[in-house]
């Protein structure tokens, strides 16, 4: 365990796809929110499902996809959110991350931000 990972902390990367229902329907790659406002939750989930299958099968690398696709500014770091403890992220995101083993990729997780897949990295 690295010294930077305090007790009770995890480190994760994620891929976020925002949709019409997202609390802030704009992102670094869609500042006007034109695409996001036309994306249904269902379509965001189906995009993410395909992406997840490609990552699990080894066809794509999580970090590469995150840097191209994710609507979170963490995309610039391959989706890396850095270390965080309980109470710092939205509850569904936190619970999903803490439930993963290091190296595992989550199923689709819904938050107020949009839909995510999460990879626990520490």
PDB file of N, CA and C in Angstrom:
ATOM      1  N   UNK A   1       0.847  -1.197   0.000  1.00  0.00           N
ATOM      2  CA  UNK A   1       0.000   0.000   0.000  1.00  0.00           C
ATOM      3  C   UNK A   1       0.882   1.246   0.000  1.00  0.00           C
ATOM      4  N   UNK A   2       0.616   2.174  -0.896  1.00  0.00           N
ATOM      5  CA  UNK A   2       1.440   3.369  -0.962  1.00  0.00           C
ATOM      6  C   UNK A   2       1.096   4.296   0.195  1.00  0.00           C
ATOM      7  N   UNK A   3       2.040   5.123   0.576  1.00  0.00           N
ATOM      8  CA  UNK A   3       1.828   5.996   1.722  1.00  0.00           C
ATOM      9  C   UNK A   3       0.746   7.038   1.447  1.00  0.00           C
ATOM     10  N   UNK A   4       0.496   7.320   0.164  1.00  0.00           N
ATOM     11  CA  UNK A   4      -0.510   8.332  -0.157  1.00  0.00           C
ATOM     12  C   UNK A   4      -1.934   7.807   0.056  1.00  0.00           C
ATOM     13  N   UNK A   5      -2.090   6.495   0.035  1.00  0.00           N
ATOM     14  CA  UNK A   5      -3.431   5.938   0.224  1.00  0.00           C
ATOM     15  C   UNK A   5      -3.705   5.798   1.721  1.00  0.00           C
ATOM     16  N   UNK A   6      -4.354   6.808   2.258  1.00  0.00           N
ATOM     17  CA  UNK A   6      -4.668   6.782   3.685  1.00  0.00           C
ATOM     18  C   UNK A   6      -5.676   5.666   3.945  1.00  0.00           C
ATOM     19  N   UNK A   7      -5.749   5.258   5.191  1.00  0.00           N
ATOM     20  CA  UNK A   7      -6.695   4.206   5.571  1.00  0.00           C
ATOM     21  C   UNK A   7      -8.113   4.659   5.212  1.00  0.00           C
ATOM     22  N   UNK A   8      -8.877   3.740   4.652  1.00  0.00           N
ATOM     23  CA  UNK A   8     -10.261   4.084   4.307  1.00  0.00           C
ATOM     24  C   UNK A   8     -10.383   4.858   3.018  1.00  0.00           C
ATOM     25  N   UNK A   9      -9.289   4.935   2.255  1.00  0.00           N
ATOM     26  CA  UNK A   9      -9.386   5.620   0.969  1.00  0.00           C
ATOM     27  C   UNK A   9      -9.274   4.627  -0.171  1.00  0.00           C
ATOM     28  N   UNK A  10      -9.866   4.996  -1.285  1.00  0.00           N
ATOM     29  CA  UNK A  10      -9.732   4.220  -2.515  1.00  0.00           C
ATOM     30  C   UNK A  10      -9.244   5.192  -3.579  1.00  0.00           C
ATOM     31  N   UNK A  11      -8.788   4.628  -4.674  1.00  0.00           N
ATOM     32  CA  UNK A  11      -8.452   5.469  -5.822  1.00  0.00           C
ATOM     33  C   UNK A  11      -9.135   4.856  -7.024  1.00  0.00           C
ATOM     34  N   UNK A  12      -9.759   5.688  -7.821  1.00  0.00           N
ATOM     35  CA  UNK A  12     -10.529   5.164  -8.940  1.00  0.00           C
ATOM     36  C   UNK A  12     -10.431   6.068 -10.149  1.00  0.00           C
ATOM     37  N   UNK A  13     -10.638   5.434 -11.301  1.00  0.00           N
ATOM     38  CA  UNK A  13     -10.832   6.154 -12.546  1.00  0.00           C
ATOM     39  C   UNK A  13     -12.265   5.892 -12.973  1.00  0.00           C
ATOM     40  N   UNK A  14     -12.814   6.796 -13.751  1.00  0.00           N
ATOM     41  CA  UNK A  14     -14.173   6.532 -14.239  1.00  0.00           C
ATOM     42  C   UNK A  14     -14.347   7.101 -15.631  1.00  0.00           C
ATOM     43  N   UNK A  15     -15.388   6.601 -16.267  1.00  0.00           N
ATOM     44  CA  UNK A  15     -15.842   7.146 -17.543  1.00  0.00           C
ATOM     45  C   UNK A  15     -17.270   7.604 -17.294  1.00  0.00           C
ATOM     46  N   UNK A  16     -17.524   8.866 -17.531  1.00  0.00           N
ATOM     47  CA  UNK A  16     -18.848   9.458 -17.306  1.00  0.00           C
ATOM     48  C   UNK A  16     -19.465   9.803 -18.648  1.00  0.00           C
ATOM     49  N   UNK A  17     -20.704   9.401 -18.829  1.00  0.00           N
ATOM     50  CA  UNK A  17     -21.481   9.900 -19.971  1.00  0.00           C
ATOM     51  C   UNK A  17     -22.677  10.653 -19.400  1.00  0.00           C
ATOM     52  N   UNK A  18     -22.720  11.930 -19.724  1.00  0.00           N
ATOM     53  CA  UNK A  18     -23.827  12.761 -19.260  1.00  0.00           C
ATOM     54  C   UNK A  18     -25.015  12.599 -20.205  1.00  0.00           C
ATOM     55  N   UNK A  19     -26.202  12.934 -19.682  1.00  0.00           N
ATOM     56  CA  UNK A  19     -27.429  12.835 -20.489  1.00  0.00           C
ATOM     57  C   UNK A  19     -28.380  13.953 -20.081  1.00  0.00           C
ATOM     58  N   UNK A  20     -29.550  13.971 -20.700  1.00  0.00           N
ATOM     59  CA  UNK A  20     -30.540  15.026 -20.464  1.00  0.00           C
ATOM     60  C   UNK A  20     -30.830  15.248 -18.982  1.00  0.00           C
ATOM     61  N   UNK A  21     -30.797  14.181 -18.211  1.00  0.00           N
ATOM     62  CA  UNK A  21     -31.147  14.276 -16.799  1.00  0.00           C
ATOM     63  C   UNK A  21     -29.981  14.672 -15.902  1.00  0.00           C
ATOM     64  N   UNK A  22     -28.801  14.861 -16.479  1.00  0.00           N
ATOM     65  CA  UNK A  22     -27.626  15.207 -15.674  1.00  0.00           C
ATOM     66  C   UNK A  22     -27.794  16.582 -15.046  1.00  0.00           C
ATOM     67  N   UNK A  23     -27.224  16.731 -13.857  1.00  0.00           N
ATOM     68  CA  UNK A  23     -27.472  17.996 -13.154  1.00  0.00           C
ATOM     69  C   UNK A  23     -26.775  19.161 -13.838  1.00  0.00           C
ATOM     70  N   UNK A  24     -25.675  18.912 -14.548  1.00  0.00           N
ATOM     71  CA  UNK A  24     -25.015  19.974 -15.326  1.00  0.00           C
ATOM     72  C   UNK A  24     -24.810  19.458 -16.737  1.00  0.00           C
ATOM     73  N   UNK A  25     -25.791  19.711 -17.621  1.00  0.00           N
ATOM     74  CA  UNK A  25     -25.730  19.105 -18.968  1.00  0.00           C
ATOM     75  C   UNK A  25     -24.755  19.808 -19.915  1.00  0.00           C
ATOM     76  N   UNK A  26     -23.484  19.872 -19.487  1.00  0.00           N
ATOM     77  CA  UNK A  26     -22.425  20.404 -20.338  1.00  0.00           C
ATOM     78  C   UNK A  26     -21.132  19.765 -19.862  1.00  0.00           C
ATOM     79  N   UNK A  27     -20.114  19.740 -20.716  1.00  0.00           N
ATOM     80  CA  UNK A  27     -18.848  19.164 -20.304  1.00  0.00           C
ATOM     81  C   UNK A  27     -17.720  19.797 -21.089  1.00  0.00           C
ATOM     82  N   UNK A  28     -16.496  19.416 -20.746  1.00  0.00           N
ATOM     83  CA  UNK A  28     -15.309  19.963 -21.418  1.00  0.00           C
ATOM     84  C   UNK A  28     -15.339  19.735 -22.919  1.00  0.00           C
ATOM     85  N   UNK A  29     -15.952  18.617 -23.360  1.00  0.00           N
ATOM     86  CA  UNK A  29     -15.953  18.368 -24.801  1.00  0.00           C
ATOM     87  C   UNK A  29     -17.266  18.770 -25.456  1.00  0.00           C
ATOM     88  N   UNK A  30     -18.218  19.198 -24.638  1.00  0.00           N
ATOM     89  CA  UNK A  30     -19.521  19.641 -25.145  1.00  0.00           C
ATOM     90  C   UNK A  30     -19.966  20.844 -24.301  1.00  0.00           C
ATOM     91  N   UNK A  31     -19.205  21.964 -24.382  1.00  0.00           N
ATOM     92  CA  UNK A  31     -19.445  23.097 -23.479  1.00  0.00           C
ATOM     93  C   UNK A  31     -20.851  23.684 -23.589  1.00  0.00           C
ATOM     94  N   UNK A  32     -21.443  23.585 -24.787  1.00  0.00           N
ATOM     95  CA  UNK A  32     -22.807  24.100 -24.969  1.00  0.00           C
ATOM     96  C   UNK A  32     -23.848  23.065 -24.539  1.00  0.00           C
ATOM     97  N   UNK A  33     -23.399  21.830 -24.350  1.00  0.00           N
ATOM     98  CA  UNK A  33     -24.327  20.772 -23.972  1.00  0.00           C
ATOM     99  C   UNK A  33     -25.242  20.329 -25.100  1.00  0.00           C
ATOM    100  N   UNK A  34     -24.850  20.610 -26.335  1.00  0.00           N
ATOM    101  CA  UNK A  34     -25.722  20.268 -27.471  1.00  0.00           C
ATOM    102  C   UNK A  34     -25.953  18.760 -27.567  1.00  0.00           C
ATOM    103  N   UNK A  35     -24.869  17.997 -27.443  1.00  0.00           N
ATOM    104  CA  UNK A  35     -24.999  16.537 -27.553  1.00  0.00           C
ATOM    105  C   UNK A  35     -25.672  15.985 -26.304  1.00  0.00           C
ATOM    106  N   UNK A  36     -25.198  16.466 -25.157  1.00  0.00           N
ATOM    107  CA  UNK A  36     -25.713  15.950 -23.881  1.00  0.00           C
ATOM    108  C   UNK A  36     -27.224  16.156 -23.770  1.00  0.00           C
ATOM    109  N   UNK A  37     -27.711  17.338 -24.154  1.00  0.00           N
ATOM    110  CA  UNK A  37     -29.145  17.622 -24.028  1.00  0.00           C
ATOM    111  C   UNK A  37     -29.983  16.751 -24.956  1.00  0.00           C
ATOM    112  N   UNK A  38     -29.326  16.161 -25.970  1.00  0.00           N
ATOM    113  CA  UNK A  38     -30.053  15.266 -26.886  1.00  0.00           C
ATOM    114  C   UNK A  38     -29.793  13.799 -26.586  1.00  0.00           C
ATOM    115  N   UNK A  39     -29.068  13.529 -25.499  1.00  0.00           N
ATOM    116  CA  UNK A  39     -28.753  12.149 -25.137  1.00  0.00           C
ATOM    117  C   UNK A  39     -29.704  11.685 -24.050  1.00  0.00           C
ATOM    118  N   UNK A  40     -30.440  10.621 -24.325  1.00  0.00           N
ATOM    119  CA  UNK A  40     -31.314  10.075 -23.291  1.00  0.00           C
ATOM    120  C   UNK A  40     -30.474   9.237 -22.337  1.00  0.00           C
ATOM    121  N   UNK A  41     -31.003   8.990 -21.155  1.00  0.00           N
ATOM    122  CA  UNK A  41     -30.295   8.122 -20.217  1.00  0.00           C
ATOM    123  C   UNK A  41     -30.100   6.748 -20.854  1.00  0.00           C
ATOM    124  N   UNK A  42     -31.120   6.255 -21.558  1.00  0.00           N
ATOM    125  CA  UNK A  42     -31.051   4.928 -22.193  1.00  0.00           C
ATOM    126  C   UNK A  42     -29.908   4.875 -23.195  1.00  0.00           C
ATOM    127  N   UNK A  43     -29.765   5.930 -23.978  1.00  0.00           N
ATOM    128  CA  UNK A  43     -28.708   5.910 -24.984  1.00  0.00           C
ATOM    129  C   UNK A  43     -27.336   6.016 -24.318  1.00  0.00           C
ATOM    130  N   UNK A  44     -27.226   6.785 -23.228  1.00  0.00           N
ATOM    131  CA  UNK A  44     -25.965   6.870 -22.484  1.00  0.00           C
ATOM    132  C   UNK A  44     -25.597   5.497 -21.926  1.00  0.00           C
ATOM    133  N   UNK A  45     -26.589   4.796 -21.375  1.00  0.00           N
ATOM    134  CA  UNK A  45     -26.355   3.465 -20.810  1.00  0.00           C
ATOM    135  C   UNK A  45     -25.932   2.496 -21.907  1.00  0.00           C
ATOM    136  N   UNK A  46     -26.575   2.550 -23.074  1.00  0.00           N
ATOM    137  CA  UNK A  46     -26.196   1.584 -24.108  1.00  0.00           C
ATOM    138  C   UNK A  46     -24.800   1.871 -24.648  1.00  0.00           C
ATOM    139  N   UNK A  47     -24.418   3.150 -24.772  1.00  0.00           N
ATOM    140  CA  UNK A  47     -23.038   3.481 -25.174  1.00  0.00           C
ATOM    141  C   UNK A  47     -22.038   2.919 -24.174  1.00  0.00           C
ATOM    142  N   UNK A  48     -22.343   3.122 -22.903  1.00  0.00           N
ATOM    143  CA  UNK A  48     -21.432   2.711 -21.840  1.00  0.00           C
ATOM    144  C   UNK A  48     -21.347   1.196 -21.728  1.00  0.00           C
ATOM    145  N   UNK A  49     -22.436   0.518 -22.022  1.00  0.00           N
ATOM    146  CA  UNK A  49     -22.455  -0.951 -21.977  1.00  0.00           C
ATOM    147  C   UNK A  49     -21.488  -1.516 -23.012  1.00  0.00           C
ATOM    148  N   UNK A  50     -21.506  -0.956 -24.212  1.00  0.00           N
ATOM    149  CA  UNK A  50     -20.603  -1.389 -25.286  1.00  0.00           C
ATOM    150  C   UNK A  50     -19.151  -1.090 -24.901  1.00  0.00           C
ATOM    151  N   UNK A  51     -18.922   0.115 -24.382  1.00  0.00           N
ATOM    152  CA  UNK A  51     -17.576   0.514 -23.959  1.00  0.00           C
ATOM    153  C   UNK A  51     -17.062  -0.447 -22.895  1.00  0.00           C
ATOM    154  N   UNK A  52     -17.916  -0.772 -21.931  1.00  0.00           N
ATOM    155  CA  UNK A  52     -17.513  -1.658 -20.834  1.00  0.00           C
ATOM    156  C   UNK A  52     -17.142  -3.042 -21.364  1.00  0.00           C
ATOM    157  N   UNK A  53     -17.942  -3.564 -22.306  1.00  0.00           N
ATOM    158  CA  UNK A  53     -17.645  -4.884 -22.884  1.00  0.00           C
ATOM    159  C   UNK A  53     -16.294  -4.872 -23.586  1.00  0.00           C
ATOM    160  N   UNK A  54     -16.002  -3.790 -24.305  1.00  0.00           N
ATOM    161  CA  UNK A  54     -14.708  -3.669 -24.997  1.00  0.00           C
ATOM    162  C   UNK A  54     -13.546  -3.640 -24.007  1.00  0.00           C
ATOM    163  N   UNK A  55     -13.746  -2.979 -22.885  1.00  0.00           N
ATOM    164  CA  UNK A  55     -12.685  -2.902 -21.866  1.00  0.00           C
ATOM    165  C   UNK A  55     -12.491  -4.262 -21.210  1.00  0.00           C
ATOM    166  N   UNK A  56     -13.586  -4.898 -20.821  1.00  0.00           N
ATOM    167  CA  UNK A  56     -13.506  -6.199 -20.150  1.00  0.00           C
ATOM    168  C   UNK A  56     -12.864  -7.240 -21.069  1.00  0.00           C
ATOM    169  N   UNK A  57     -13.203  -7.180 -22.350  1.00  0.00           N
ATOM    170  CA  UNK A  57     -12.666  -8.172 -23.295  1.00  0.00           C
ATOM    171  C   UNK A  57     -11.214  -7.872 -23.687  1.00  0.00           C
ATOM    172  N   UNK A  58     -10.731  -6.695 -23.318  1.00  0.00           N
ATOM    173  CA  UNK A  58      -9.355  -6.336 -23.642  1.00  0.00           C
ATOM    174  C   UNK A  58      -9.198  -5.631 -24.976  1.00  0.00           C
ATOM    175  N   UNK A  59     -10.328  -5.373 -25.651  1.00  0.00           N
ATOM    176  CA  UNK A  59     -10.283  -4.704 -26.942  1.00  0.00           C
ATOM    177  C   UNK A  59      -9.882  -3.224 -26.791  1.00  0.00           C
ATOM    178  N   UNK A  60     -10.282  -2.633 -25.664  1.00  0.00           N
ATOM    179  CA  UNK A  60      -9.960  -1.226 -25.397  1.00  0.00           C
ATOM    180  C   UNK A  60      -9.323  -1.100 -24.025  1.00  0.00           C
ATOM    181  N   UNK A  61      -8.502  -0.053 -23.861  1.00  0.00           N
ATOM    182  CA  UNK A  61      -7.930   0.251 -22.549  1.00  0.00           C
ATOM    183  C   UNK A  61      -8.786   1.305 -21.862  1.00  0.00           C
ATOM    184  N   UNK A  62      -9.105   1.059 -20.602  1.00  0.00           N
ATOM    185  CA  UNK A  62      -9.972   1.967 -19.833  1.00  0.00           C
ATOM    186  C   UNK A  62      -9.511   3.419 -19.982  1.00  0.00           C
ATOM    187  N   UNK A  63      -8.197   3.638 -19.741  1.00  0.00           N
ATOM    188  CA  UNK A  63      -7.652   5.003 -19.725  1.00  0.00           C
ATOM    189  C   UNK A  63      -7.776   5.686 -21.093  1.00  0.00           C
ATOM    190  N   UNK A  64      -7.562   4.913 -22.162  1.00  0.00           N
ATOM    191  CA  UNK A  64      -7.669   5.487 -23.511  1.00  0.00           C
ATOM    192  C   UNK A  64      -9.100   5.917 -23.798  1.00  0.00           C
ATOM    193  N   UNK A  65     -10.036   5.051 -23.443  1.00  0.00           N
ATOM    194  CA  UNK A  65     -11.443   5.362 -23.691  1.00  0.00           C
ATOM    195  C   UNK A  65     -11.863   6.558 -22.847  1.00  0.00           C
ATOM    196  N   UNK A  66     -11.448   6.561 -21.580  1.00  0.00           N
ATOM    197  CA  UNK A  66     -11.807   7.673 -20.692  1.00  0.00           C
ATOM    198  C   UNK A  66     -11.334   9.002 -21.276  1.00  0.00           C
ATOM    199  N   UNK A  67     -10.094   9.018 -21.783  1.00  0.00           N
ATOM    200  CA  UNK A  67      -9.551  10.294 -22.264  1.00  0.00           C
ATOM    201  C   UNK A  67     -10.285  10.800 -23.504  1.00  0.00           C
ATOM    202  N   UNK A  68     -10.884   9.886 -24.262  1.00  0.00           N
ATOM    203  CA  UNK A  68     -11.641  10.298 -25.461  1.00  0.00           C
ATOM    204  C   UNK A  68     -13.113  10.555 -25.170  1.00  0.00           C
ATOM    205  N   UNK A  69     -13.711   9.739 -24.319  1.00  0.00           N
ATOM    206  CA  UNK A  69     -15.171   9.667 -24.222  1.00  0.00           C
ATOM    207  C   UNK A  69     -15.746  10.378 -23.002  1.00  0.00           C
ATOM    208  N   UNK A  70     -15.022  10.325 -21.869  1.00  0.00           N
ATOM    209  CA  UNK A  70     -15.624  10.762 -20.612  1.00  0.00           C
ATOM    210  C   UNK A  70     -16.008  12.234 -20.625  1.00  0.00           C
ATOM    211  N   UNK A  71     -17.183  12.536 -20.068  1.00  0.00           N
ATOM    212  CA  UNK A  71     -17.655  13.909 -19.941  1.00  0.00           C
ATOM    213  C   UNK A  71     -17.118  14.574 -18.676  1.00  0.00           C
ATOM    214  N   UNK A  72     -16.292  13.877 -17.923  1.00  0.00           N
ATOM    215  CA  UNK A  72     -15.694  14.459 -16.717  1.00  0.00           C
ATOM    216  C   UNK A  72     -14.333  15.043 -17.088  1.00  0.00           C
ATOM    217  N   UNK A  73     -13.931  16.126 -16.445  1.00  0.00           N
ATOM    218  CA  UNK A  73     -12.623  16.716 -16.756  1.00  0.00           C
ATOM    219  C   UNK A  73     -11.478  15.776 -16.377  1.00  0.00           C
ATOM    220  N   UNK A  74     -11.771  14.746 -15.565  1.00  0.00           N
ATOM    221  CA  UNK A  74     -10.745  13.742 -15.243  1.00  0.00           C
ATOM    222  C   UNK A  74     -10.315  12.974 -16.498  1.00  0.00           C
ATOM    223  N   UNK A  75     -11.042  13.127 -17.593  1.00  0.00           N
ATOM    224  CA  UNK A  75     -10.674  12.500 -18.869  1.00  0.00           C
ATOM    225  C   UNK A  75      -9.224  12.831 -19.226  1.00  0.00           C
ATOM    226  N   UNK A  76      -8.805  14.044 -18.902  1.00  0.00           N
ATOM    227  CA  UNK A  76      -7.443  14.481 -19.224  1.00  0.00           C
ATOM    228  C   UNK A  76      -6.397  13.641 -18.492  1.00  0.00           C
ATOM    229  N   UNK A  77      -6.794  12.952 -17.434  1.00  0.00           N
ATOM    230  CA  UNK A  77      -5.905  12.057 -16.680  1.00  0.00           C
ATOM    231  C   UNK A  77      -6.304  10.594 -16.868  1.00  0.00           C
ATOM    232  N   UNK A  78      -6.927  10.293 -17.998  1.00  0.00           N
ATOM    233  CA  UNK A  78      -7.368   8.920 -18.246  1.00  0.00           C
ATOM    234  C   UNK A  78      -8.482   8.494 -17.302  1.00  0.00           C
ATOM    235  N   UNK A  79      -9.207   9.467 -16.779  1.00  0.00           N
ATOM    236  CA  UNK A  79     -10.345   9.181 -15.898  1.00  0.00           C
ATOM    237  C   UNK A  79      -9.985   9.127 -14.425  1.00  0.00           C
ATOM    238  N   UNK A  80      -8.702   9.317 -14.111  1.00  0.00           N
ATOM    239  CA  UNK A  80      -8.235   9.163 -12.721  1.00  0.00           C
ATOM    240  C   UNK A  80      -8.773  10.281 -11.836  1.00  0.00           C
ATOM    241  N   UNK A  81      -9.485   9.895 -10.784  1.00  0.00           N
ATOM    242  CA  UNK A  81     -10.024  10.866  -9.828  1.00  0.00           C
ATOM    243  C   UNK A  81      -9.109  11.048  -8.625  1.00  0.00           C
ATOM    244  N   UNK A  82      -8.043  10.242  -8.563  1.00  0.00           N
ATOM    245  CA  UNK A  82      -7.167  10.321  -7.394  1.00  0.00           C
ATOM    246  C   UNK A  82      -7.813   9.624  -6.204  1.00  0.00           C
ATOM    247  N   UNK A  83      -7.144   9.665  -5.041  1.00  0.00           N
ATOM    248  CA  UNK A  83      -7.662   8.978  -3.860  1.00  0.00           C
ATOM    249  C   UNK A  83      -8.828   9.759  -3.238  1.00  0.00           C
ATOM    250  N   UNK A  84      -9.785   9.055  -2.700  1.00  0.00           N
ATOM    251  CA  UNK A  84     -10.871   9.702  -1.955  1.00  0.00           C
ATOM    252  C   UNK A  84     -11.390   8.755  -0.884  1.00  0.00           C
ATOM    253  N   UNK A  85     -11.975   9.352   0.120  1.00  0.00           N
ATOM    254  CA  UNK A  85     -12.541   8.573   1.224  1.00  0.00           C
ATOM    255  C   UNK A  85     -14.059   8.616   1.175  1.00  0.00           C
ATOM    256  N   UNK A  86     -14.673   8.060   2.177  1.00  0.00           N
ATOM    257  CA  UNK A  86     -16.137   8.078   2.245  1.00  0.00           C
ATOM    258  C   UNK A  86     -16.622   9.502   2.485  1.00  0.00           C
ATOM    259  N   UNK A  87     -17.767   9.812   1.891  1.00  0.00           N
ATOM    260  CA  UNK A  87     -18.364  11.130   2.103  1.00  0.00           C
ATOM    261  C   UNK A  87     -17.880  12.186   1.125  1.00  0.00           C
ATOM    262  N   UNK A  88     -17.008  11.807   0.186  1.00  0.00           N
ATOM    263  CA  UNK A  88     -16.478  12.804  -0.759  1.00  0.00           C
ATOM    264  C   UNK A  88     -17.139  12.742  -2.127  1.00  0.00           C
ATOM    265  N   UNK A  89     -17.725  11.601  -2.455  1.00  0.00           N
ATOM    266  CA  UNK A  89     -18.367  11.431  -3.760  1.00  0.00           C
ATOM    267  C   UNK A  89     -19.865  11.209  -3.545  1.00  0.00           C
ATOM    268  N   UNK A  90     -20.623  11.278  -4.640  1.00  0.00           N
ATOM    269  CA  UNK A  90     -22.036  10.940  -4.518  1.00  0.00           C
ATOM    270  C   UNK A  90     -22.150   9.493  -4.045  1.00  0.00           C
ATOM    271  N   UNK A  91     -23.158   9.262  -3.203  1.00  0.00           N
ATOM    272  CA  UNK A  91     -23.298   7.972  -2.515  1.00  0.00           C
ATOM    273  C   UNK A  91     -23.234   6.759  -3.444  1.00  0.00           C
ATOM    274  N   UNK A  92     -23.995   6.726  -4.545  1.00  0.00           N
ATOM    275  CA  UNK A  92     -23.945   5.521  -5.402  1.00  0.00           C
ATOM    276  C   UNK A  92     -22.538   5.287  -5.962  1.00  0.00           C
ATOM    277  N   UNK A  93     -21.834   6.368  -6.256  1.00  0.00           N
ATOM    278  CA  UNK A  93     -20.483   6.273  -6.811  1.00  0.00           C
ATOM    279  C   UNK A  93     -19.542   5.723  -5.746  1.00  0.00           C
ATOM    280  N   UNK A  94     -19.644   6.279  -4.557  1.00  0.00           N
ATOM    281  CA  UNK A  94     -18.805   5.822  -3.444  1.00  0.00           C
ATOM    282  C   UNK A  94     -19.042   4.340  -3.159  1.00  0.00           C
ATOM    283  N   UNK A  95     -20.299   3.952  -3.041  1.00  0.00           N
ATOM    284  CA  UNK A  95     -20.610   2.558  -2.702  1.00  0.00           C
ATOM    285  C   UNK A  95     -20.085   1.599  -3.761  1.00  0.00           C
ATOM    286  N   UNK A  96     -20.253   1.961  -5.023  1.00  0.00           N
ATOM    287  CA  UNK A  96     -19.783   1.099  -6.111  1.00  0.00           C
ATOM    288  C   UNK A  96     -18.266   0.968  -6.068  1.00  0.00           C
ATOM    289  N   UNK A  97     -17.570   2.072  -5.827  1.00  0.00           N
ATOM    290  CA  UNK A  97     -16.103   2.045  -5.817  1.00  0.00           C
ATOM    291  C   UNK A  97     -15.575   1.203  -4.670  1.00  0.00           C
ATOM    292  N   UNK A  98     -16.120   1.418  -3.478  1.00  0.00           N
ATOM    293  CA  UNK A  98     -15.644   0.670  -2.312  1.00  0.00           C
ATOM    294  C   UNK A  98     -15.948  -0.821  -2.433  1.00  0.00           C
ATOM    295  N   UNK A  99     -16.948  -1.174  -3.236  1.00  0.00           N
ATOM    296  CA  UNK A  99     -17.311  -2.588  -3.410  1.00  0.00           C
ATOM    297  C   UNK A  99     -16.389  -3.308  -4.392  1.00  0.00           C
ATOM    298  N   UNK A 100     -15.641  -2.559  -5.197  1.00  0.00           N
ATOM    299  CA  UNK A 100     -14.765  -3.172  -6.200  1.00  0.00           C
ATOM    300  C   UNK A 100     -13.458  -3.644  -5.584  1.00  0.00           C
ATOM    301  N   UNK A 101     -12.897  -4.664  -6.190  1.00  0.00           N
ATOM    302  CA  UNK A 101     -11.511  -5.027  -5.882  1.00  0.00           C
ATOM    303  C   UNK A 101     -10.615  -4.198  -6.800  1.00  0.00           C
ATOM    304  N   UNK A 102      -9.367  -4.001  -6.404  1.00  0.00           N
ATOM    305  CA  UNK A 102      -8.426  -3.243  -7.235  1.00  0.00           C
ATOM    306  C   UNK A 102      -8.323  -3.918  -8.611  1.00  0.00           C
ATOM    307  N   UNK A 103      -8.448  -3.124  -9.670  1.00  0.00           N
ATOM    308  CA  UNK A 103      -8.373  -3.650 -11.030  1.00  0.00           C
ATOM    309  C   UNK A 103      -9.723  -3.989 -11.629  1.00  0.00           C
ATOM    310  N   UNK A 104     -10.744  -4.063 -10.787  1.00  0.00           N
ATOM    311  CA  UNK A 104     -12.084  -4.411 -11.285  1.00  0.00           C
ATOM    312  C   UNK A 104     -12.787  -3.195 -11.871  1.00  0.00           C
ATOM    313  N   UNK A 105     -13.678  -3.469 -12.830  1.00  0.00           N
ATOM    314  CA  UNK A 105     -14.497  -2.427 -13.446  1.00  0.00           C
ATOM    315  C   UNK A 105     -15.951  -2.662 -13.034  1.00  0.00           C
ATOM    316  N   UNK A 106     -16.607  -1.592 -12.623  1.00  0.00           N
ATOM    317  CA  UNK A 106     -17.983  -1.697 -12.121  1.00  0.00           C
ATOM    318  C   UNK A 106     -18.981  -1.930 -13.249  1.00  0.00           C
ATOM    319  N   UNK A 107     -20.184  -2.293 -12.852  1.00  0.00           N
ATOM    320  CA  UNK A 107     -21.319  -2.216 -13.761  1.00  0.00           C
ATOM    321  C   UNK A 107     -21.651  -0.734 -13.903  1.00  0.00           C
ATOM    322  N   UNK A 108     -22.727  -0.435 -14.600  1.00  0.00           N
ATOM    323  CA  UNK A 108     -23.096   0.957 -14.801  1.00  0.00           C
ATOM    324  C   UNK A 108     -23.669   1.533 -13.508  1.00  0.00           C
ATOM    325  N   UNK A 109     -23.171   2.709 -13.153  1.00  0.00           N
ATOM    326  CA  UNK A 109     -23.572   3.377 -11.919  1.00  0.00           C
ATOM    327  C   UNK A 109     -24.240   4.702 -12.294  1.00  0.00           C
ATOM    328  N   UNK A 110     -25.431   4.924 -11.743  1.00  0.00           N
ATOM    329  CA  UNK A 110     -26.178   6.160 -11.972  1.00  0.00           C
ATOM    330  C   UNK A 110     -25.925   7.156 -10.860  1.00  0.00           C
ATOM    331  N   UNK A 111     -25.603   8.408 -11.211  1.00  0.00           N
ATOM    332  CA  UNK A 111     -25.563   9.485 -10.210  1.00  0.00           C
ATOM    333  C   UNK A 111     -26.248  10.701 -10.815  1.00  0.00           C
ATOM    334  N   UNK A 112     -26.317  11.782 -10.032  1.00  0.00           N
ATOM    335  CA  UNK A 112     -26.895  13.033 -10.546  1.00  0.00           C
ATOM    336  C   UNK A 112     -26.073  13.591 -11.699  1.00  0.00           C
ATOM    337  N   UNK A 113     -24.811  13.151 -11.799  1.00  0.00           N
ATOM    338  CA  UNK A 113     -23.943  13.659 -12.864  1.00  0.00           C
ATOM    339  C   UNK A 113     -24.216  12.978 -14.200  1.00  0.00           C
ATOM    340  N   UNK A 114     -24.637  11.712 -14.151  1.00  0.00           N
ATOM    341  CA  UNK A 114     -24.851  10.937 -15.366  1.00  0.00           C
ATOM    342  C   UNK A 114     -24.630   9.463 -15.075  1.00  0.00           C
ATOM    343  N   UNK A 115     -24.203   8.725 -16.095  1.00  0.00           N
ATOM    344  CA  UNK A 115     -23.921   7.300 -15.900  1.00  0.00           C
ATOM    345  C   UNK A 115     -22.422   7.074 -16.012  1.00  0.00           C
ATOM    346  N   UNK A 116     -21.908   6.192 -15.164  1.00  0.00           N
ATOM    347  CA  UNK A 116     -20.479   5.969 -15.059  1.00  0.00           C
ATOM    348  C   UNK A 116     -20.159   4.473 -15.133  1.00  0.00           C
ATOM    349  N   UNK A 117     -18.938   4.157 -15.544  1.00  0.00           N
ATOM    350  CA  UNK A 117     -18.308   2.895 -15.142  1.00  0.00           C
ATOM    351  C   UNK A 117     -17.052   3.313 -14.405  1.00  0.00           C
ATOM    352  N   UNK A 118     -16.732   2.545 -13.388  1.00  0.00           N
ATOM    353  CA  UNK A 118     -15.657   2.905 -12.472  1.00  0.00           C
ATOM    354  C   UNK A 118     -14.638   1.770 -12.452  1.00  0.00           C
ATOM    355  N   UNK A 119     -13.381   2.131 -12.477  1.00  0.00           N
ATOM    356  CA  UNK A 119     -12.314   1.146 -12.316  1.00  0.00           C
ATOM    357  C   UNK A 119     -11.541   1.526 -11.053  1.00  0.00           C
ATOM    358  N   UNK A 120     -11.491   0.573 -10.129  1.00  0.00           N
ATOM    359  CA  UNK A 120     -10.745   0.844  -8.898  1.00  0.00           C
ATOM    360  C   UNK A 120      -9.262   0.622  -9.170  1.00  0.00           C
ATOM    361  N   UNK A 121      -8.436   1.607  -8.869  1.00  0.00           N
ATOM    362  CA  UNK A 121      -7.013   1.459  -9.149  1.00  0.00           C
ATOM    363  C   UNK A 121      -6.155   1.347  -7.885  1.00  0.00           C
ATOM    364  N   UNK A 122      -6.735   1.601  -6.725  1.00  0.00           N
ATOM    365  CA  UNK A 122      -5.999   1.380  -5.465  1.00  0.00           C
ATOM    366  C   UNK A 122      -6.981   1.310  -4.311  1.00  0.00           C
TER     367      UNK A 122
END
